Amino acid sequence: RMRPFEFVEPTTLEEVIGGIIGAALALVGVIFLALTVYGGYLWMLARENEEQAKKAMQIIKMAVIGLVVVLGAYAITFFVVARLTRATQ
C-alpha cells in the first residue's frame, strides 16, 4: 500500500522521462503564476501612470503567451509520441 508523499523509484526510462516532464511543467506553472501576480501587482499600483500600466499588461500578456506555447508544445509532442508508439507496436 502506497502512502501519501512516498517516493517510488522509477523503473523504466519512460517513467524517468515522464517525471522530468511533469516537474518541468510544474515549474512552468509556478513561473506563470508568479509573473501573473507580479503583473497584476504592478497594474494595481500603476494608478494614473500609463507607462507602468502598459508594462504590467505586457508582462501578463507575455506570461499567457508563454504558457500557451509550452502547453501547445506538450500537447503536440504527446500526440506525436502516442501515434508513433501505436504505429510501431
PDB file of N, CA and C in Angstrom:
ATOM      1  N   ARG A   1       0.843  -1.180   0.000  1.00  0.00           N
ATOM      2  CA  ARG A   1       0.000   0.000   0.000  1.00  0.00           C
ATOM      3  C   ARG A   1       0.884   1.237   0.000  1.00  0.00           C
ATOM      4  N   MET A   2       0.538   2.195  -0.888  1.00  0.00           N
ATOM      5  CA  MET A   2       1.343   3.401  -1.014  1.00  0.00           C
ATOM      6  C   MET A   2       0.804   4.506  -0.115  1.00  0.00           C
ATOM      7  N   ARG A   3       1.694   5.140   0.599  1.00  0.00           N
ATOM      8  CA  ARG A   3       1.311   6.244   1.480  1.00  0.00           C
ATOM      9  C   ARG A   3       1.496   7.572   0.746  1.00  0.00           C
ATOM     10  N   PRO A   4       0.774   8.615   1.171  1.00  0.00           N
ATOM     11  CA  PRO A   4       0.945   9.930   0.534  1.00  0.00           C
ATOM     12  C   PRO A   4       2.382  10.423   0.669  1.00  0.00           C
ATOM     13  N   PHE A   5       2.888  11.031  -0.362  1.00  0.00           N
ATOM     14  CA  PHE A   5       4.220  11.630  -0.420  1.00  0.00           C
ATOM     15  C   PHE A   5       5.331  10.600  -0.270  1.00  0.00           C
ATOM     16  N   GLU A   6       5.034   9.355  -0.564  1.00  0.00           N
ATOM     17  CA  GLU A   6       6.057   8.322  -0.518  1.00  0.00           C
ATOM     18  C   GLU A   6       6.765   8.298  -1.861  1.00  0.00           C
ATOM     19  N   PHE A   7       8.091   8.281  -1.831  1.00  0.00           N
ATOM     20  CA  PHE A   7       8.868   8.282  -3.064  1.00  0.00           C
ATOM     21  C   PHE A   7       8.923   6.874  -3.634  1.00  0.00           C
ATOM     22  N   VAL A   8       8.543   6.759  -4.895  1.00  0.00           N
ATOM     23  CA  VAL A   8       8.623   5.478  -5.584  1.00  0.00           C
ATOM     24  C   VAL A   8       9.678   5.617  -6.657  1.00  0.00           C
ATOM     25  N   GLU A   9      10.669   4.767  -6.604  1.00  0.00           N
ATOM     26  CA  GLU A   9      11.754   4.841  -7.572  1.00  0.00           C
ATOM     27  C   GLU A   9      11.270   4.378  -8.941  1.00  0.00           C
ATOM     28  N   PRO A  10      11.490   5.204  -9.990  1.00  0.00           N
ATOM     29  CA  PRO A  10      11.060   4.800 -11.328  1.00  0.00           C
ATOM     30  C   PRO A  10      11.860   3.601 -11.814  1.00  0.00           C
ATOM     31  N   THR A  11      11.208   2.752 -12.559  1.00  0.00           N
ATOM     32  CA  THR A  11      11.870   1.531 -13.002  1.00  0.00           C
ATOM     33  C   THR A  11      12.207   1.549 -14.480  1.00  0.00           C
ATOM     34  N   THR A  12      11.521   2.337 -15.269  1.00  0.00           N
ATOM     35  CA  THR A  12      11.789   2.362 -16.705  1.00  0.00           C
ATOM     36  C   THR A  12      12.191   3.759 -17.152  1.00  0.00           C
ATOM     37  N   LEU A  13      12.763   3.826 -18.332  1.00  0.00           N
ATOM     38  CA  LEU A  13      13.180   5.106 -18.896  1.00  0.00           C
ATOM     39  C   LEU A  13      11.979   6.024 -19.110  1.00  0.00           C
ATOM     40  N   GLU A  14      10.849   5.437 -19.518  1.00  0.00           N
ATOM     41  CA  GLU A  14       9.636   6.227 -19.745  1.00  0.00           C
ATOM     42  C   GLU A  14       9.165   6.899 -18.458  1.00  0.00           C
ATOM     43  N   GLU A  15       9.255   6.190 -17.340  1.00  0.00           N
ATOM     44  CA  GLU A  15       8.848   6.760 -16.060  1.00  0.00           C
ATOM     45  C   GLU A  15       9.774   7.892 -15.637  1.00  0.00           C
ATOM     46  N   VAL A  16      11.065   7.743 -15.883  1.00  0.00           N
ATOM     47  CA  VAL A  16      12.029   8.795 -15.544  1.00  0.00           C
ATOM     48  C   VAL A  16      11.755  10.037 -16.380  1.00  0.00           C
ATOM     49  N   ILE A  17      11.585   9.859 -17.690  1.00  0.00           N
ATOM     50  CA  ILE A  17      11.320  10.990 -18.583  1.00  0.00           C
ATOM     51  C   ILE A  17       9.983  11.635 -18.229  1.00  0.00           C
ATOM     52  N   GLY A  18       8.975  10.820 -17.927  1.00  0.00           N
ATOM     53  CA  GLY A  18       7.680  11.359 -17.531  1.00  0.00           C
ATOM     54  C   GLY A  18       7.770  12.183 -16.259  1.00  0.00           C
ATOM     55  N   GLY A  19       8.578  11.737 -15.314  1.00  0.00           N
ATOM     56  CA  GLY A  19       8.774  12.502 -14.077  1.00  0.00           C
ATOM     57  C   GLY A  19       9.467  13.826 -14.327  1.00  0.00           C
ATOM     58  N   ILE A  20      10.454  13.821 -15.211  1.00  0.00           N
ATOM     59  CA  ILE A  20      11.166  15.060 -15.546  1.00  0.00           C
ATOM     60  C   ILE A  20      10.225  16.034 -16.242  1.00  0.00           C
ATOM     61  N   ILE A  21       9.430  15.538 -17.186  1.00  0.00           N
ATOM     62  CA  ILE A  21       8.482  16.404 -17.887  1.00  0.00           C
ATOM     63  C   ILE A  21       7.437  16.952 -16.930  1.00  0.00           C
ATOM     64  N   GLY A  22       6.950  16.109 -16.022  1.00  0.00           N
ATOM     65  CA  GLY A  22       5.979  16.580 -15.032  1.00  0.00           C
ATOM     66  C   GLY A  22       6.551  17.664 -14.141  1.00  0.00           C
ATOM     67  N   ALA A  23       7.799  17.498 -13.730  1.00  0.00           N
ATOM     68  CA  ALA A  23       8.450  18.512 -12.893  1.00  0.00           C
ATOM     69  C   ALA A  23       8.649  19.814 -13.664  1.00  0.00           C
ATOM     70  N   ALA A  24       9.031  19.705 -14.937  1.00  0.00           N
ATOM     71  CA  ALA A  24       9.218  20.900 -15.761  1.00  0.00           C
ATOM     72  C   ALA A  24       7.897  21.644 -15.958  1.00  0.00           C
ATOM     73  N   LEU A  25       6.814  20.906 -16.192  1.00  0.00           N
ATOM     74  CA  LEU A  25       5.509  21.557 -16.348  1.00  0.00           C
ATOM     75  C   LEU A  25       5.044  22.209 -15.051  1.00  0.00           C
ATOM     76  N   ALA A  26       5.349  21.587 -13.927  1.00  0.00           N
ATOM     77  CA  ALA A  26       5.015  22.195 -12.639  1.00  0.00           C
ATOM     78  C   ALA A  26       5.797  23.491 -12.452  1.00  0.00           C
ATOM     79  N   LEU A  27       7.071  23.497 -12.843  1.00  0.00           N
ATOM     80  CA  LEU A  27       7.890  24.703 -12.738  1.00  0.00           C
ATOM     81  C   LEU A  27       7.350  25.808 -13.640  1.00  0.00           C
ATOM     82  N   VAL A  28       6.940  25.451 -14.848  1.00  0.00           N
ATOM     83  CA  VAL A  28       6.352  26.435 -15.766  1.00  0.00           C
ATOM     84  C   VAL A  28       5.084  27.024 -15.158  1.00  0.00           C
ATOM     85  N   GLY A  29       4.282  26.198 -14.520  1.00  0.00           N
ATOM     86  CA  GLY A  29       3.068  26.688 -13.870  1.00  0.00           C
ATOM     87  C   GLY A  29       3.374  27.667 -12.751  1.00  0.00           C
ATOM     88  N   VAL A  30       4.386  27.378 -11.970  1.00  0.00           N
ATOM     89  CA  VAL A  30       4.774  28.273 -10.873  1.00  0.00           C
ATOM     90  C   VAL A  30       5.295  29.600 -11.423  1.00  0.00           C
ATOM     91  N   ILE A  31       6.097  29.527 -12.486  1.00  0.00           N
ATOM     92  CA  ILE A  31       6.618  30.754 -13.107  1.00  0.00           C
ATOM     93  C   ILE A  31       5.472  31.581 -13.683  1.00  0.00           C
ATOM     94  N   PHE A  32       4.510  30.922 -14.340  1.00  0.00           N
ATOM     95  CA  PHE A  32       3.350  31.629 -14.880  1.00  0.00           C
ATOM     96  C   PHE A  32       2.580  32.332 -13.760  1.00  0.00           C
ATOM     97  N   LEU A  33       2.345  31.629 -12.678  1.00  0.00           N
ATOM     98  CA  LEU A  33       1.621  32.221 -11.556  1.00  0.00           C
ATOM     99  C   LEU A  33       2.369  33.421 -10.990  1.00  0.00           C
ATOM    100  N   ALA A  34       3.675  33.294 -10.828  1.00  0.00           N
ATOM    101  CA  ALA A  34       4.475  34.391 -10.279  1.00  0.00           C
ATOM    102  C   ALA A  34       4.443  35.609 -11.201  1.00  0.00           C
ATOM    103  N   LEU A  35       4.569  35.391 -12.506  1.00  0.00           N
ATOM    104  CA  LEU A  35       4.534  36.518 -13.444  1.00  0.00           C
ATOM    105  C   LEU A  35       3.159  37.171 -13.478  1.00  0.00           C
ATOM    106  N   THR A  36       2.118  36.374 -13.399  1.00  0.00           N
ATOM    107  CA  THR A  36       0.762  36.923 -13.399  1.00  0.00           C
ATOM    108  C   THR A  36       0.515  37.759 -12.146  1.00  0.00           C
ATOM    109  N   VAL A  37       0.932  37.260 -11.008  1.00  0.00           N
ATOM    110  CA  VAL A  37       0.762  38.019  -9.762  1.00  0.00           C
ATOM    111  C   VAL A  37       1.601  39.298  -9.802  1.00  0.00           C
ATOM    112  N   TYR A  38       2.820  39.213 -10.299  1.00  0.00           N
ATOM    113  CA  TYR A  38       3.686  40.389 -10.396  1.00  0.00           C
ATOM    114  C   TYR A  38       3.078  41.430 -11.334  1.00  0.00           C
ATOM    115  N   GLY A  39       2.602  40.986 -12.497  1.00  0.00           N
ATOM    116  CA  GLY A  39       1.969  41.909 -13.441  1.00  0.00           C
ATOM    117  C   GLY A  39       0.719  42.537 -12.848  1.00  0.00           C
ATOM    118  N   GLY A  40      -0.081  41.757 -12.160  1.00  0.00           N
ATOM    119  CA  GLY A  40      -1.277  42.295 -11.504  1.00  0.00           C
ATOM    120  C   GLY A  40      -0.933  43.297 -10.420  1.00  0.00           C
ATOM    121  N   TYR A  41       0.119  43.012  -9.685  1.00  0.00           N
ATOM    122  CA  TYR A  41       0.577  43.924  -8.632  1.00  0.00           C
ATOM    123  C   TYR A  41       1.012  45.260  -9.233  1.00  0.00           C
ATOM    124  N   LEU A  42       1.801  45.197 -10.319  1.00  0.00           N
ATOM    125  CA  LEU A  42       2.229  46.434 -10.979  1.00  0.00           C
ATOM    126  C   LEU A  42       1.035  47.203 -11.530  1.00  0.00           C
ATOM    127  N   TRP A  43       0.082  46.483 -12.090  1.00  0.00           N
ATOM    128  CA  TRP A  43      -1.082  47.127 -12.674  1.00  0.00           C
ATOM    129  C   TRP A  43      -1.921  47.819 -11.609  1.00  0.00           C
ATOM    130  N   MET A  44      -2.087  47.160 -10.469  1.00  0.00           N
ATOM    131  CA  MET A  44      -2.878  47.758  -9.392  1.00  0.00           C
ATOM    132  C   MET A  44      -2.191  49.009  -8.816  1.00  0.00           C
ATOM    133  N   LEU A  45      -0.874  49.026  -8.813  1.00  0.00           N
ATOM    134  CA  LEU A  45      -0.143  50.168  -8.265  1.00  0.00           C
ATOM    135  C   LEU A  45       0.134  51.260  -9.300  1.00  0.00           C
ATOM    136  N   ALA A  46      -0.235  51.029 -10.547  1.00  0.00           N
ATOM    137  CA  ALA A  46       0.081  51.987 -11.610  1.00  0.00           C
ATOM    138  C   ALA A  46      -0.670  53.305 -11.426  1.00  0.00           C
ATOM    139  N   ARG A  47      -1.877  53.240 -10.874  1.00  0.00           N
ATOM    140  CA  ARG A  47      -2.744  54.419 -10.718  1.00  0.00           C
ATOM    141  C   ARG A  47      -2.886  55.119 -12.063  1.00  0.00           C
ATOM    142  N   GLU A  48      -2.374  56.329 -12.198  1.00  0.00           N
ATOM    143  CA  GLU A  48      -2.515  57.062 -13.457  1.00  0.00           C
ATOM    144  C   GLU A  48      -1.259  57.007 -14.303  1.00  0.00           C
ATOM    145  N   ASN A  49      -0.282  56.224 -13.898  1.00  0.00           N
ATOM    146  CA  ASN A  49       0.964  56.093 -14.643  1.00  0.00           C
ATOM    147  C   ASN A  49       0.737  55.131 -15.813  1.00  0.00           C
ATOM    148  N   GLU A  50       0.569  55.700 -16.998  1.00  0.00           N
ATOM    149  CA  GLU A  50       0.232  54.907 -18.187  1.00  0.00           C
ATOM    150  C   GLU A  50       1.360  53.947 -18.575  1.00  0.00           C
ATOM    151  N   GLU A  51       2.614  54.371 -18.422  1.00  0.00           N
ATOM    152  CA  GLU A  51       3.743  53.506 -18.791  1.00  0.00           C
ATOM    153  C   GLU A  51       3.796  52.258 -17.923  1.00  0.00           C
ATOM    154  N   GLN A  52       3.593  52.432 -16.626  1.00  0.00           N
ATOM    155  CA  GLN A  52       3.632  51.278 -15.730  1.00  0.00           C
ATOM    156  C   GLN A  52       2.455  50.348 -15.992  1.00  0.00           C
ATOM    157  N   ALA A  53       1.307  50.880 -16.321  1.00  0.00           N
ATOM    158  CA  ALA A  53       0.145  50.047 -16.640  1.00  0.00           C
ATOM    159  C   ALA A  53       0.399  49.240 -17.913  1.00  0.00           C
ATOM    160  N   LYS A  54       1.010  49.873 -18.918  1.00  0.00           N
ATOM    161  CA  LYS A  54       1.338  49.157 -20.161  1.00  0.00           C
ATOM    162  C   LYS A  54       2.366  48.056 -19.888  1.00  0.00           C
ATOM    163  N   LYS A  55       3.364  48.355 -19.066  1.00  0.00           N
ATOM    164  CA  LYS A  55       4.380  47.360 -18.715  1.00  0.00           C
ATOM    165  C   LYS A  55       3.729  46.169 -18.015  1.00  0.00           C
ATOM    166  N   ALA A  56       2.814  46.438 -17.091  1.00  0.00           N
ATOM    167  CA  ALA A  56       2.141  45.370 -16.360  1.00  0.00           C
ATOM    168  C   ALA A  56       1.307  44.505 -17.299  1.00  0.00           C
ATOM    169  N   MET A  57       0.562  45.132 -18.191  1.00  0.00           N
ATOM    170  CA  MET A  57      -0.264  44.372 -19.131  1.00  0.00           C
ATOM    171  C   MET A  57       0.605  43.558 -20.088  1.00  0.00           C
ATOM    172  N   GLN A  58       1.753  44.105 -20.466  1.00  0.00           N
ATOM    173  CA  GLN A  58       2.664  43.361 -21.340  1.00  0.00           C
ATOM    174  C   GLN A  58       3.235  42.142 -20.620  1.00  0.00           C
ATOM    175  N   ILE A  59       3.552  42.257 -19.352  1.00  0.00           N
ATOM    176  CA  ILE A  59       4.046  41.121 -18.575  1.00  0.00           C
ATOM    177  C   ILE A  59       2.980  40.031 -18.514  1.00  0.00           C
ATOM    178  N   ILE A  60       1.741  40.415 -18.257  1.00  0.00           N
ATOM    179  CA  ILE A  60       0.663  39.428 -18.181  1.00  0.00           C
ATOM    180  C   ILE A  60       0.437  38.771 -19.539  1.00  0.00           C
ATOM    181  N   LYS A  61       0.422  39.557 -20.615  1.00  0.00           N
ATOM    182  CA  LYS A  61       0.232  39.002 -21.959  1.00  0.00           C
ATOM    183  C   LYS A  61       1.348  38.021 -22.310  1.00  0.00           C
ATOM    184  N   MET A  62       2.578  38.399 -22.027  1.00  0.00           N
ATOM    185  CA  MET A  62       3.707  37.525 -22.354  1.00  0.00           C
ATOM    186  C   MET A  62       3.679  36.238 -21.522  1.00  0.00           C
ATOM    187  N   ALA A  63       3.234  36.331 -20.281  1.00  0.00           N
ATOM    188  CA  ALA A  63       3.123  35.134 -19.445  1.00  0.00           C
ATOM    189  C   ALA A  63       2.080  34.183 -20.020  1.00  0.00           C
ATOM    190  N   VAL A  64       0.950  34.716 -20.462  1.00  0.00           N
ATOM    191  CA  VAL A  64      -0.094  33.877 -21.051  1.00  0.00           C
ATOM    192  C   VAL A  64       0.387  33.264 -22.358  1.00  0.00           C
ATOM    193  N   ILE A  65       1.049  34.050 -23.202  1.00  0.00           N
ATOM    194  CA  ILE A  65       1.570  33.527 -24.466  1.00  0.00           C
ATOM    195  C   ILE A  65       2.593  32.429 -24.199  1.00  0.00           C
ATOM    196  N   GLY A  66       3.467  32.622 -23.238  1.00  0.00           N
ATOM    197  CA  GLY A  66       4.453  31.597 -22.895  1.00  0.00           C
ATOM    198  C   GLY A  66       3.802  30.314 -22.423  1.00  0.00           C
ATOM    199  N   LEU A  67       2.769  30.438 -21.594  1.00  0.00           N
ATOM    200  CA  LEU A  67       2.054  29.260 -21.108  1.00  0.00           C
ATOM    201  C   LEU A  67       1.376  28.523 -22.260  1.00  0.00           C
ATOM    202  N   VAL A  68       0.764  29.258 -23.170  1.00  0.00           N
ATOM    203  CA  VAL A  68       0.102  28.638 -24.329  1.00  0.00           C
ATOM    204  C   VAL A  68       1.123  27.922 -25.206  1.00  0.00           C
ATOM    205  N   VAL A  69       2.276  28.526 -25.422  1.00  0.00           N
ATOM    206  CA  VAL A  69       3.316  27.895 -26.240  1.00  0.00           C
ATOM    207  C   VAL A  69       3.807  26.601 -25.600  1.00  0.00           C
ATOM    208  N   VAL A  70       4.067  26.628 -24.302  1.00  0.00           N
ATOM    209  CA  VAL A  70       4.573  25.435 -23.612  1.00  0.00           C
ATOM    210  C   VAL A  70       3.526  24.321 -23.609  1.00  0.00           C
ATOM    211  N   LEU A  71       2.287  24.651 -23.292  1.00  0.00           N
ATOM    212  CA  LEU A  71       1.237  23.630 -23.276  1.00  0.00           C
ATOM    213  C   LEU A  71       0.937  23.116 -24.680  1.00  0.00           C
ATOM    214  N   GLY A  72       1.015  23.991 -25.680  1.00  0.00           N
ATOM    215  CA  GLY A  72       0.838  23.552 -27.068  1.00  0.00           C
ATOM    216  C   GLY A  72       1.942  22.594 -27.501  1.00  0.00           C
ATOM    217  N   ALA A  73       3.169  22.913 -27.146  1.00  0.00           N
ATOM    218  CA  ALA A  73       4.295  22.035 -27.478  1.00  0.00           C
ATOM    219  C   ALA A  73       4.142  20.678 -26.795  1.00  0.00           C
ATOM    220  N   TYR A  74       3.696  20.700 -25.545  1.00  0.00           N
ATOM    221  CA  TYR A  74       3.482  19.445 -24.825  1.00  0.00           C
ATOM    222  C   TYR A  74       2.380  18.623 -25.483  1.00  0.00           C
ATOM    223  N   ALA A  75       1.292  19.269 -25.864  1.00  0.00           N
ATOM    224  CA  ALA A  75       0.172  18.559 -26.491  1.00  0.00           C
ATOM    225  C   ALA A  75       0.587  17.953 -27.826  1.00  0.00           C
ATOM    226  N   ILE A  76       1.316  18.704 -28.634  1.00  0.00           N
ATOM    227  CA  ILE A  76       1.770  18.185 -29.928  1.00  0.00           C
ATOM    228  C   ILE A  76       2.721  17.019 -29.723  1.00  0.00           C
ATOM    229  N   THR A  77       3.654  17.150 -28.808  1.00  0.00           N
ATOM    230  CA  THR A  77       4.607  16.074 -28.534  1.00  0.00           C
ATOM    231  C   THR A  77       3.891  14.829 -28.028  1.00  0.00           C
ATOM    232  N   PHE A  78       2.938  14.994 -27.129  1.00  0.00           N
ATOM    233  CA  PHE A  78       2.184  13.863 -26.605  1.00  0.00           C
ATOM    234  C   PHE A  78       1.439  13.153 -27.728  1.00  0.00           C
ATOM    235  N   PHE A  79       0.806  13.923 -28.607  1.00  0.00           N
ATOM    236  CA  PHE A  79       0.054  13.357 -29.722  1.00  0.00           C
ATOM    237  C   PHE A  79       0.972  12.586 -30.677  1.00  0.00           C
ATOM    238  N   VAL A  80       2.109  13.180 -31.038  1.00  0.00           N
ATOM    239  CA  VAL A  80       3.030  12.531 -31.980  1.00  0.00           C
ATOM    240  C   VAL A  80       3.623  11.270 -31.384  1.00  0.00           C
ATOM    241  N   VAL A  81       4.060  11.337 -30.129  1.00  0.00           N
ATOM    242  CA  VAL A  81       4.654  10.153 -29.487  1.00  0.00           C
ATOM    243  C   VAL A  81       3.621   9.046 -29.351  1.00  0.00           C
ATOM    244  N   ALA A  82       2.384   9.381 -29.015  1.00  0.00           N
ATOM    245  CA  ALA A  82       1.341   8.374 -28.913  1.00  0.00           C
ATOM    246  C   ALA A  82       1.081   7.694 -30.262  1.00  0.00           C
ATOM    247  N   ARG A  83       1.053   8.476 -31.319  1.00  0.00           N
ATOM    248  CA  ARG A  83       0.840   7.913 -32.671  1.00  0.00           C
ATOM    249  C   ARG A  83       2.013   7.044 -33.100  1.00  0.00           C
ATOM    250  N   LEU A  84       3.245   7.501 -32.825  1.00  0.00           N
ATOM    251  CA  LEU A  84       4.419   6.710 -33.199  1.00  0.00           C
ATOM    252  C   LEU A  84       4.479   5.410 -32.408  1.00  0.00           C
ATOM    253  N   THR A  85       4.143   5.484 -31.130  1.00  0.00           N
ATOM    254  CA  THR A  85       4.160   4.281 -30.294  1.00  0.00           C
ATOM    255  C   THR A  85       3.131   3.270 -30.792  1.00  0.00           C
ATOM    256  N   ARG A  86       1.948   3.753 -31.135  1.00  0.00           N
ATOM    257  CA  ARG A  86       0.898   2.875 -31.631  1.00  0.00           C
ATOM    258  C   ARG A  86       1.271   2.297 -33.005  1.00  0.00           C
ATOM    259  N   ALA A  87       1.956   3.080 -33.829  1.00  0.00           N
ATOM    260  CA  ALA A  87       2.306   2.619 -35.165  1.00  0.00           C
ATOM    261  C   ALA A  87       3.423   1.575 -35.128  1.00  0.00           C
ATOM    262  N   THR A  88       4.315   1.657 -34.152  1.00  0.00           N
ATOM    263  CA  THR A  88       5.437   0.716 -34.115  1.00  0.00           C
ATOM    264  C   THR A  88       5.124  -0.578 -33.384  1.00  0.00           C
ATOM    265  N   GLN A  89       3.986  -0.635 -32.718  1.00  0.00           N
ATOM    266  CA  GLN A  89       3.664  -1.862 -31.977  1.00  0.00           C
ATOM    267  C   GLN A  89       2.848  -2.808 -32.805  1.00  0.00           C
TER     268      GLN A  89
END
